[in-house]
Protein backbone atom coordinates (compact mmCIF):
# COMPACT_ATOMS: atom_id res chain seq x y z
CA MET A 1 17.00 -15.75 9.63
CA ALA A 2 15.85 -13.70 6.27
CA GLY A 3 12.28 -12.41 6.24
CA ALA A 4 12.36 -12.42 10.03
CA GLY A 5 12.46 -8.91 11.42
CA GLN A 6 10.19 -5.86 12.38
CA LEU A 7 9.85 -4.57 8.87
CA SER A 8 9.20 -8.05 7.32
CA GLY A 9 6.78 -7.94 4.64
CA ARG A 10 7.40 -4.05 4.12
CA VAL A 11 9.24 -3.13 0.31
CA CYS A 12 11.80 -0.07 0.55
CA VAL A 13 13.50 1.94 -2.23
CA VAL A 14 17.26 3.11 -1.06
CA THR A 15 18.51 5.48 -3.82
CA GLY A 16 22.56 6.04 -3.46
CA ALA A 17 23.11 2.62 -1.90
CA SER A 18 26.02 1.82 -3.51
CA ARG A 19 28.36 3.64 -0.56
CA GLY A 20 27.95 6.00 2.44
CA VAL A 21 24.27 6.89 4.30
CA GLY A 22 22.51 5.11 1.85
CA LYS A 23 24.15 1.85 2.14
CA GLY A 24 24.03 2.26 6.10
CA ILE A 25 20.21 2.70 5.83
CA ALA A 26 19.76 -0.50 3.15
CA LEU A 27 21.87 -2.77 5.41
CA GLN A 28 19.30 -1.81 8.58
CA LEU A 29 16.72 -1.89 6.53
CA ALA A 30 17.57 -5.36 5.78
CA ALA A 31 18.50 -6.90 9.01
CA ALA A 32 14.90 -5.76 10.16
CA GLY A 33 13.49 -7.84 7.33
CA ALA A 34 12.35 -5.66 4.53
CA THR A 35 12.52 -6.11 0.97
CA VAL A 36 15.31 -3.31 -0.28
CA TYR A 37 15.38 -1.97 -3.93
CA VAL A 38 18.96 -0.26 -3.58
CA THR A 39 20.62 2.22 -6.39
CA GLY A 40 23.68 3.74 -7.41
CA ARG A 41 25.24 4.45 -11.08
CA ARG A 42 28.26 2.30 -10.56
CA VAL A 43 27.47 -1.00 -11.37
CA GLU A 44 30.35 -2.98 -9.75
CA ALA A 45 30.47 -0.86 -6.33
CA LEU A 46 26.23 -1.26 -6.47
CA GLY A 47 26.94 -5.50 -6.49
CA ARG A 48 29.29 -5.54 -3.73
CA ALA A 49 26.90 -3.28 -1.56
CA ALA A 50 23.80 -5.43 -2.82
CA ALA A 51 25.94 -8.52 -1.76
CA GLU A 52 26.11 -6.77 1.79
CA VAL A 53 22.85 -6.20 2.24
CA SER A 54 21.51 -9.49 0.94
CA ALA A 55 23.97 -11.23 3.40
CA ARG A 56 21.75 -8.85 6.46
CA GLY A 57 18.82 -10.75 5.54
CA GLY A 58 15.46 -9.77 4.29
CA ARG A 59 15.46 -9.53 0.14
CA CYS A 60 17.74 -7.62 -1.63
CA VAL A 61 17.13 -5.94 -5.20
CA ALA A 62 19.95 -4.29 -6.88
CA VAL A 63 18.53 -1.59 -9.49
CA ALA A 64 21.31 0.58 -11.59
CA CYS A 65 19.89 4.10 -11.36
CA ASP A 66 20.88 7.66 -12.18
CA SER A 67 18.96 9.57 -10.17
CA SER A 68 19.46 12.40 -12.00
CA GLN A 69 17.81 11.40 -14.86
CA ASP A 70 13.83 11.66 -14.77
CA GLU A 71 13.25 7.92 -16.91
CA GLN A 72 15.53 5.88 -15.11
CA VAL A 73 13.80 7.52 -11.75
CA ALA A 74 10.55 6.41 -13.33
CA LYS A 75 11.56 3.49 -14.54
CA LEU A 76 12.51 2.30 -11.11
CA LEU A 77 9.37 3.07 -9.34
CA GLU A 78 7.58 1.70 -11.93
CA ARG A 79 9.25 -1.29 -11.72
CA VAL A 80 8.90 -1.53 -7.76
CA ARG A 81 5.35 -0.77 -8.26
CA GLN A 82 5.08 -3.58 -10.73
CA GLU A 83 6.98 -6.25 -8.81
CA GLN A 84 5.20 -5.22 -5.44
CA ASP A 85 1.80 -4.87 -6.57
CA GLY A 86 1.82 -0.92 -5.81
CA ARG A 87 3.25 -1.31 -2.25
CA LEU A 88 6.23 1.10 -1.30
CA ASP A 89 6.37 1.43 2.18
CA VAL A 90 10.22 3.29 2.53
CA LEU A 91 11.42 5.55 0.38
CA VAL A 92 14.71 6.46 0.89
CA SER A 93 16.51 9.32 -1.38
CA CYS A 94 20.48 9.38 -0.55
CA ALA A 95 22.17 9.50 -3.98
CA PHE A 96 24.59 12.53 -4.35
CA SER A 97 27.23 12.51 -6.66
CA GLY A 98 29.06 15.92 -5.49
CA VAL A 99 31.33 14.61 -2.82
CA ASP A 100 34.84 14.99 -4.87
CA ALA A 101 33.52 18.28 -5.97
CA VAL A 102 32.85 19.61 -3.23
CA ALA A 103 36.36 17.85 -1.96
CA ALA A 104 38.11 19.39 -4.63
CA GLN A 105 36.90 23.45 -3.53
CA GLN A 106 37.69 22.86 0.22
CA GLY A 107 39.95 25.64 1.82
CA ARG A 108 38.28 28.13 -0.69
CA PRO A 109 36.04 30.73 -0.52
CA PHE A 110 32.66 29.34 -2.26
CA TRP A 111 32.82 32.75 -4.48
CA GLU A 112 35.57 31.26 -6.05
CA SER A 113 34.05 28.16 -6.65
CA PRO A 114 32.71 27.63 -10.34
CA ALA A 115 29.49 27.67 -10.82
CA GLU A 116 29.31 24.12 -12.13
CA LEU A 117 29.66 23.47 -8.30
CA TRP A 118 26.20 23.90 -7.88
CA ASP A 119 25.05 21.72 -10.54
CA ASP A 120 27.42 19.50 -9.31
CA ILE A 121 25.99 19.38 -5.80
CA ASN A 122 22.16 19.74 -6.87
CA ASN A 123 21.58 17.57 -10.13
CA VAL A 124 21.67 14.66 -8.14
CA GLY A 125 21.21 15.86 -4.41
CA LEU A 126 18.07 18.14 -4.43
CA ARG A 127 16.88 17.36 -7.92
CA GLY A 128 17.31 13.25 -7.46
CA HIS A 129 14.90 13.96 -4.15
CA TYR A 130 12.94 15.72 -6.06
CA LEU A 131 12.24 13.17 -8.80
CA CYS A 132 11.86 10.34 -6.36
CA LEU A 133 9.15 11.97 -4.65
CA ALA A 134 7.36 13.46 -8.27
CA CYS A 135 7.60 9.97 -10.05
CA ASN A 136 6.49 8.38 -7.21
CA GLY A 137 3.69 10.40 -6.89
CA SER A 138 0.73 9.83 -3.90
CA SER A 139 1.69 5.96 -3.83
CA CYS A 140 4.12 6.18 -0.74
CA GLY A 141 1.56 7.85 2.17
CA SER A 142 -1.88 6.98 0.14
CA ASN A 143 -1.98 3.65 2.33
CA PRO A 144 -1.90 4.40 6.09
CA GLU A 145 0.12 2.02 6.86
CA HIS A 146 3.12 3.21 4.80
CA THR A 147 5.86 4.90 6.37
CA GLY A 148 7.16 7.30 4.36
CA VAL A 149 10.06 9.08 2.86
CA ALA A 150 13.29 9.95 3.98
CA ALA A 151 15.58 12.38 2.29
CA PRO A 152 18.80 13.05 3.86
CA PRO A 153 20.11 16.63 3.21
CA LEU A 154 22.10 16.47 -0.07
CA GLY A 155 23.46 12.78 1.35
CA TRP A 156 25.97 14.41 2.68
CA GLY A 157 28.69 11.22 3.66
CA THR A 158 28.44 9.42 0.93
């Protein structure tokens, strides 16, 4: 039943939720009754994931967002603040865009990889984690009832 569960009334944001680890986390948060904002860059994939998340319970809000773009991350978190009266209990930063780049380098010594591999891995992975935390400021954690932030290392498995 939608809205029932131990996270009923909680507000969550999961970046990189259109597939992989982020999607799995969003599915479980929704199953526990949370309101879950899911993000991704690819609108079609995001829509499919959002439909699955919605089917689990809770409430799902899909937001197209590139986690490497400061303005988009700030706009996402401001939207959540406005729509949820400042409430954000859980922020999960799972966006990562380096899977294909890393796979293309598999079997090569790292020193033979182009320097751009660093950018592919870190511009959405680590940079995205930083942007989510910086744009969110102190609103997540200022309330002792807020759950916190999760940033899986580089979003591996997405």
